[in-house]
């Protein structure tokens, strides 16, 4: 494959926004997380009554605006994995619960390594929400979508800084 063909292939992949695939074909979270405005790939078989929720696709939550998807993902992360008795936690412990093996193609060790490298800690360091919550949330979005926040010029293919900041701020409102 020459460079021009590679560029065309990459551009085709970037422009694809539909979360559906051919029958029987498995979807990665990046295939549905952004079109569903759910960048942390929050799945709930019986969805909570999230602000901005428009429905779900077999538990994959769909939001009307990206800020609501960011808010839901961050709020879920904070309340479920940091506030309920876990307090200070390690990334390896977090991702064993947040993205357990056997749930799709999850690999908690790879997930923890990715986030640790992004935020500059070890997977075994104890982390508090107040100090690391925002950095962990940003890294999860990067991991799930394959695009760092603000890293895409095409708004369809990523989460903007403003969408992230607005959604993150809504967690405490």
C-alpha atoms as a PDB file:
ATOM      1  CA  UNK A   1       0.000   0.000   0.000  1.00  0.00           C
ATOM      2  CA  UNK A   2       1.446   3.362  -0.967  1.00  0.00           C
ATOM      3  CA  UNK A   3       1.200   6.580   1.045  1.00  0.00           C
ATOM      4  CA  UNK A   4      -1.774   7.950  -0.915  1.00  0.00           C
ATOM      5  CA  UNK A   5      -3.753   4.756  -0.371  1.00  0.00           C
ATOM      6  CA  UNK A   6      -2.895   4.839   3.330  1.00  0.00           C
ATOM      7  CA  UNK A   7      -4.051   8.439   3.624  1.00  0.00           C
ATOM      8  CA  UNK A   8      -7.316   7.663   1.814  1.00  0.00           C
ATOM      9  CA  UNK A   9      -7.932   4.697   4.130  1.00  0.00           C
ATOM     10  CA  UNK A  10      -7.283   6.814   7.227  1.00  0.00           C
ATOM     11  CA  UNK A  11      -9.553   9.600   5.985  1.00  0.00           C
ATOM     12  CA  UNK A  12     -12.346   7.115   5.213  1.00  0.00           C
ATOM     13  CA  UNK A  13     -12.053   5.712   8.730  1.00  0.00           C
ATOM     14  CA  UNK A  14     -12.084   9.194  10.289  1.00  0.00           C
ATOM     15  CA  UNK A  15     -15.181  10.234   8.355  1.00  0.00           C
ATOM     16  CA  UNK A  16     -17.150   7.141   9.322  1.00  0.00           C
ATOM     17  CA  UNK A  17     -19.559   8.241  12.034  1.00  0.00           C
ATOM     18  CA  UNK A  18     -22.201   5.535  12.064  1.00  0.00           C
ATOM     19  CA  UNK A  19     -22.125   3.106  14.991  1.00  0.00           C
ATOM     20  CA  UNK A  20     -23.706   0.220  13.070  1.00  0.00           C
ATOM     21  CA  UNK A  21     -21.768  -2.555  11.399  1.00  0.00           C
ATOM     22  CA  UNK A  22     -22.756  -5.480   9.259  1.00  0.00           C
ATOM     23  CA  UNK A  23     -24.767  -8.145  11.087  1.00  0.00           C
ATOM     24  CA  UNK A  24     -22.545 -10.257  13.301  1.00  0.00           C
ATOM     25  CA  UNK A  25     -19.566  -7.886  13.079  1.00  0.00           C
ATOM     26  CA  UNK A  26     -18.243  -6.773  16.476  1.00  0.00           C
ATOM     27  CA  UNK A  27     -18.017  -3.033  17.196  1.00  0.00           C
ATOM     28  CA  UNK A  28     -15.161  -1.394  19.091  1.00  0.00           C
ATOM     29  CA  UNK A  29     -16.161   1.351  21.525  1.00  0.00           C
ATOM     30  CA  UNK A  30     -14.759   4.016  19.215  1.00  0.00           C
ATOM     31  CA  UNK A  31     -17.292   2.934  16.601  1.00  0.00           C
ATOM     32  CA  UNK A  32     -20.235   3.886  18.781  1.00  0.00           C
ATOM     33  CA  UNK A  33     -18.979   6.026  21.688  1.00  0.00           C
ATOM     34  CA  UNK A  34     -18.556   9.248  19.717  1.00  0.00           C
ATOM     35  CA  UNK A  35     -21.654   9.023  17.500  1.00  0.00           C
ATOM     36  CA  UNK A  36     -23.687   8.269  20.642  1.00  0.00           C
ATOM     37  CA  UNK A  37     -22.022  11.266  22.356  1.00  0.00           C
ATOM     38  CA  UNK A  38     -20.886   8.854  25.081  1.00  0.00           C
ATOM     39  CA  UNK A  39     -17.085   9.241  25.012  1.00  0.00           C
ATOM     40  CA  UNK A  40     -16.405   7.177  28.138  1.00  0.00           C
ATOM     41  CA  UNK A  41     -18.429   4.315  26.601  1.00  0.00           C
ATOM     42  CA  UNK A  42     -20.869   4.089  29.513  1.00  0.00           C
ATOM     43  CA  UNK A  43     -23.022   0.956  29.248  1.00  0.00           C
ATOM     44  CA  UNK A  44     -26.028   0.279  31.465  1.00  0.00           C
ATOM     45  CA  UNK A  45     -28.518  -2.478  30.648  1.00  0.00           C
ATOM     46  CA  UNK A  46     -31.173  -0.545  32.607  1.00  0.00           C
ATOM     47  CA  UNK A  47     -30.065   3.064  32.067  1.00  0.00           C
ATOM     48  CA  UNK A  48     -30.187   5.530  34.924  1.00  0.00           C
ATOM     49  CA  UNK A  49     -32.132   8.730  34.281  1.00  0.00           C
ATOM     50  CA  UNK A  50     -29.090  10.703  33.083  1.00  0.00           C
ATOM     51  CA  UNK A  51     -29.385  14.363  32.077  1.00  0.00           C
ATOM     52  CA  UNK A  52     -29.482  14.570  28.282  1.00  0.00           C
ATOM     53  CA  UNK A  53     -30.079  10.824  27.769  1.00  0.00           C
ATOM     54  CA  UNK A  54     -31.887  10.087  24.507  1.00  0.00           C
ATOM     55  CA  UNK A  55     -32.048   6.316  24.832  1.00  0.00           C
ATOM     56  CA  UNK A  56     -29.794   3.344  24.451  1.00  0.00           C
ATOM     57  CA  UNK A  57     -28.741   0.668  21.999  1.00  0.00           C
ATOM     58  CA  UNK A  58     -28.547  -2.606  23.898  1.00  0.00           C
ATOM     59  CA  UNK A  59     -27.249  -0.735  26.967  1.00  0.00           C
ATOM     60  CA  UNK A  60     -24.946   1.632  25.042  1.00  0.00           C
ATOM     61  CA  UNK A  61     -26.179   5.018  26.215  1.00  0.00           C
ATOM     62  CA  UNK A  62     -27.013   7.748  23.676  1.00  0.00           C
ATOM     63  CA  UNK A  63     -26.878  11.416  24.673  1.00  0.00           C
ATOM     64  CA  UNK A  64     -28.262  14.474  22.881  1.00  0.00           C
ATOM     65  CA  UNK A  65     -25.060  16.489  23.461  1.00  0.00           C
ATOM     66  CA  UNK A  66     -21.455  15.514  24.141  1.00  0.00           C
ATOM     67  CA  UNK A  67     -21.374  17.488  27.405  1.00  0.00           C
ATOM     68  CA  UNK A  68     -24.060  15.180  28.826  1.00  0.00           C
ATOM     69  CA  UNK A  69     -22.134  12.071  27.809  1.00  0.00           C
ATOM     70  CA  UNK A  70     -18.988  13.463  29.415  1.00  0.00           C
ATOM     71  CA  UNK A  71     -20.955  14.341  32.566  1.00  0.00           C
ATOM     72  CA  UNK A  72     -22.490  10.866  32.834  1.00  0.00           C
ATOM     73  CA  UNK A  73     -19.170   9.091  32.320  1.00  0.00           C
ATOM     74  CA  UNK A  74     -17.304  11.275  34.808  1.00  0.00           C
ATOM     75  CA  UNK A  75     -20.096  11.141  37.387  1.00  0.00           C
ATOM     76  CA  UNK A  76     -20.260   7.353  37.085  1.00  0.00           C
ATOM     77  CA  UNK A  77     -16.480   7.093  37.481  1.00  0.00           C
ATOM     78  CA  UNK A  78     -16.415   9.394  40.499  1.00  0.00           C
ATOM     79  CA  UNK A  79     -19.453   8.025  42.342  1.00  0.00           C
ATOM     80  CA  UNK A  80     -19.032   4.341  41.555  1.00  0.00           C
ATOM     81  CA  UNK A  81     -15.279   3.879  41.699  1.00  0.00           C
ATOM     82  CA  UNK A  82     -13.921   6.649  43.924  1.00  0.00           C
ATOM     83  CA  UNK A  83     -16.666   7.774  46.345  1.00  0.00           C
ATOM     84  CA  UNK A  84     -18.204   4.485  47.479  1.00  0.00           C
ATOM     85  CA  UNK A  85     -15.659   3.369  50.023  1.00  0.00           C
ATOM     86  CA  UNK A  86     -12.827   3.025  47.547  1.00  0.00           C
ATOM     87  CA  UNK A  87     -11.399   6.513  48.191  1.00  0.00           C
ATOM     88  CA  UNK A  88      -7.762   6.329  47.172  1.00  0.00           C
ATOM     89  CA  UNK A  89      -7.396   3.609  44.576  1.00  0.00           C
ATOM     90  CA  UNK A  90      -4.803   2.275  42.189  1.00  0.00           C
ATOM     91  CA  UNK A  91      -5.323   2.263  38.432  1.00  0.00           C
ATOM     92  CA  UNK A  92      -4.940  -1.501  38.267  1.00  0.00           C
ATOM     93  CA  UNK A  93      -7.659  -1.957  40.917  1.00  0.00           C
ATOM     94  CA  UNK A  94      -9.857   0.641  39.224  1.00  0.00           C
ATOM     95  CA  UNK A  95      -9.730  -0.958  35.795  1.00  0.00           C
ATOM     96  CA  UNK A  96     -10.320  -4.468  37.132  1.00  0.00           C
ATOM     97  CA  UNK A  97     -13.735  -3.114  38.150  1.00  0.00           C
ATOM     98  CA  UNK A  98     -14.307  -0.392  35.536  1.00  0.00           C
ATOM     99  CA  UNK A  99     -13.316  -2.512  32.510  1.00  0.00           C
ATOM    100  CA  UNK A 100     -13.154  -6.124  33.721  1.00  0.00           C
ATOM    101  CA  UNK A 101     -11.726  -8.975  31.682  1.00  0.00           C
ATOM    102  CA  UNK A 102     -14.471 -10.931  29.967  1.00  0.00           C
ATOM    103  CA  UNK A 103     -16.575  -7.843  29.254  1.00  0.00           C
ATOM    104  CA  UNK A 104     -16.008  -7.450  25.544  1.00  0.00           C
ATOM    105  CA  UNK A 105     -12.336  -7.143  24.652  1.00  0.00           C
ATOM    106  CA  UNK A 106     -11.401  -5.436  27.925  1.00  0.00           C
ATOM    107  CA  UNK A 107      -7.884  -5.859  29.248  1.00  0.00           C
ATOM    108  CA  UNK A 108      -7.631  -4.057  32.619  1.00  0.00           C
ATOM    109  CA  UNK A 109      -3.821  -4.216  32.661  1.00  0.00           C
ATOM    110  CA  UNK A 110      -3.512  -2.568  29.229  1.00  0.00           C
ATOM    111  CA  UNK A 111      -6.108   0.033  30.217  1.00  0.00           C
ATOM    112  CA  UNK A 112      -4.275   0.826  33.481  1.00  0.00           C
ATOM    113  CA  UNK A 113      -0.921   1.031  31.667  1.00  0.00           C
ATOM    114  CA  UNK A 114      -2.358   3.422  29.070  1.00  0.00           C
ATOM    115  CA  UNK A 115      -3.843   5.757  31.687  1.00  0.00           C
ATOM    116  CA  UNK A 116      -0.766   5.581  33.934  1.00  0.00           C
ATOM    117  CA  UNK A 117       1.459   6.601  31.025  1.00  0.00           C
ATOM    118  CA  UNK A 118      -0.882   9.476  30.122  1.00  0.00           C
ATOM    119  CA  UNK A 119      -1.003  10.931  33.630  1.00  0.00           C
ATOM    120  CA  UNK A 120       2.548  10.114  34.729  1.00  0.00           C
ATOM    121  CA  UNK A 121       1.982   7.649  37.560  1.00  0.00           C
ATOM    122  CA  UNK A 122       2.506   3.937  38.232  1.00  0.00           C
ATOM    123  CA  UNK A 123      -0.449   1.553  37.971  1.00  0.00           C
ATOM    124  CA  UNK A 124       0.094   0.697  41.657  1.00  0.00           C
ATOM    125  CA  UNK A 125       0.163   4.294  42.968  1.00  0.00           C
ATOM    126  CA  UNK A 126      -2.779   5.231  45.226  1.00  0.00           C
ATOM    127  CA  UNK A 127      -4.682   8.051  43.562  1.00  0.00           C
ATOM    128  CA  UNK A 128      -7.324  10.404  44.944  1.00  0.00           C
ATOM    129  CA  UNK A 129     -10.234  11.762  42.924  1.00  0.00           C
ATOM    130  CA  UNK A 130      -9.452  15.365  43.844  1.00  0.00           C
ATOM    131  CA  UNK A 131      -5.941  15.181  42.451  1.00  0.00           C
ATOM    132  CA  UNK A 132      -6.356  12.768  39.531  1.00  0.00           C
ATOM    133  CA  UNK A 133     -10.060  12.528  38.626  1.00  0.00           C
ATOM    134  CA  UNK A 134      -9.906  14.973  35.736  1.00  0.00           C
ATOM    135  CA  UNK A 135      -6.722  13.466  34.303  1.00  0.00           C
ATOM    136  CA  UNK A 136      -8.109   9.927  34.565  1.00  0.00           C
ATOM    137  CA  UNK A 137     -11.372  11.004  32.890  1.00  0.00           C
ATOM    138  CA  UNK A 138      -9.500  12.639  30.004  1.00  0.00           C
ATOM    139  CA  UNK A 139      -7.363   9.531  29.571  1.00  0.00           C
ATOM    140  CA  UNK A 140     -10.394   7.215  29.573  1.00  0.00           C
ATOM    141  CA  UNK A 141     -11.944   9.299  26.790  1.00  0.00           C
ATOM    142  CA  UNK A 142      -8.682   9.060  24.856  1.00  0.00           C
ATOM    143  CA  UNK A 143      -8.560   5.282  25.400  1.00  0.00           C
ATOM    144  CA  UNK A 144     -12.210   4.659  24.477  1.00  0.00           C
ATOM    145  CA  UNK A 145     -12.349   6.905  21.413  1.00  0.00           C
ATOM    146  CA  UNK A 146      -8.753   6.646  20.242  1.00  0.00           C
ATOM    147  CA  UNK A 147      -8.580  10.459  20.096  1.00  0.00           C
ATOM    148  CA  UNK A 148      -7.222  12.772  22.807  1.00  0.00           C
ATOM    149  CA  UNK A 149      -9.572  15.565  23.887  1.00  0.00           C
ATOM    150  CA  UNK A 150      -9.194  18.448  21.481  1.00  0.00           C
ATOM    151  CA  UNK A 151      -7.027  16.226  19.275  1.00  0.00           C
ATOM    152  CA  UNK A 152      -9.259  16.156  16.213  1.00  0.00           C
ATOM    153  CA  UNK A 153      -9.845  19.060  13.863  1.00  0.00           C
ATOM    154  CA  UNK A 154     -13.080  17.405  12.763  1.00  0.00           C
ATOM    155  CA  UNK A 155     -15.592  17.860  15.625  1.00  0.00           C
ATOM    156  CA  UNK A 156     -17.454  14.718  14.556  1.00  0.00           C
ATOM    157  CA  UNK A 157     -14.406  12.643  15.367  1.00  0.00           C
ATOM    158  CA  UNK A 158     -13.589  13.817  18.860  1.00  0.00           C
ATOM    159  CA  UNK A 159     -14.426  15.653  22.058  1.00  0.00           C
ATOM    160  CA  UNK A 160     -13.528  19.329  22.140  1.00  0.00           C
ATOM    161  CA  UNK A 161     -11.875  20.974  25.143  1.00  0.00           C
ATOM    162  CA  UNK A 162     -15.061  22.993  25.713  1.00  0.00           C
ATOM    163  CA  UNK A 163     -17.295  19.889  25.636  1.00  0.00           C
ATOM    164  CA  UNK A 164     -15.054  18.137  28.138  1.00  0.00           C
ATOM    165  CA  UNK A 165     -14.755  21.114  30.492  1.00  0.00           C
ATOM    166  CA  UNK A 166     -18.509  21.804  30.374  1.00  0.00           C
ATOM    167  CA  UNK A 167     -19.392  18.154  31.014  1.00  0.00           C
ATOM    168  CA  UNK A 168     -16.813  17.842  33.775  1.00  0.00           C
ATOM    169  CA  UNK A 169     -18.141  20.989  35.480  1.00  0.00           C
ATOM    170  CA  UNK A 170     -21.716  19.647  35.305  1.00  0.00           C
ATOM    171  CA  UNK A 171     -20.749  16.676  37.523  1.00  0.00           C
ATOM    172  CA  UNK A 172     -20.956  18.853  40.638  1.00  0.00           C
ATOM    173  CA  UNK A 173     -23.972  20.902  39.643  1.00  0.00           C
END
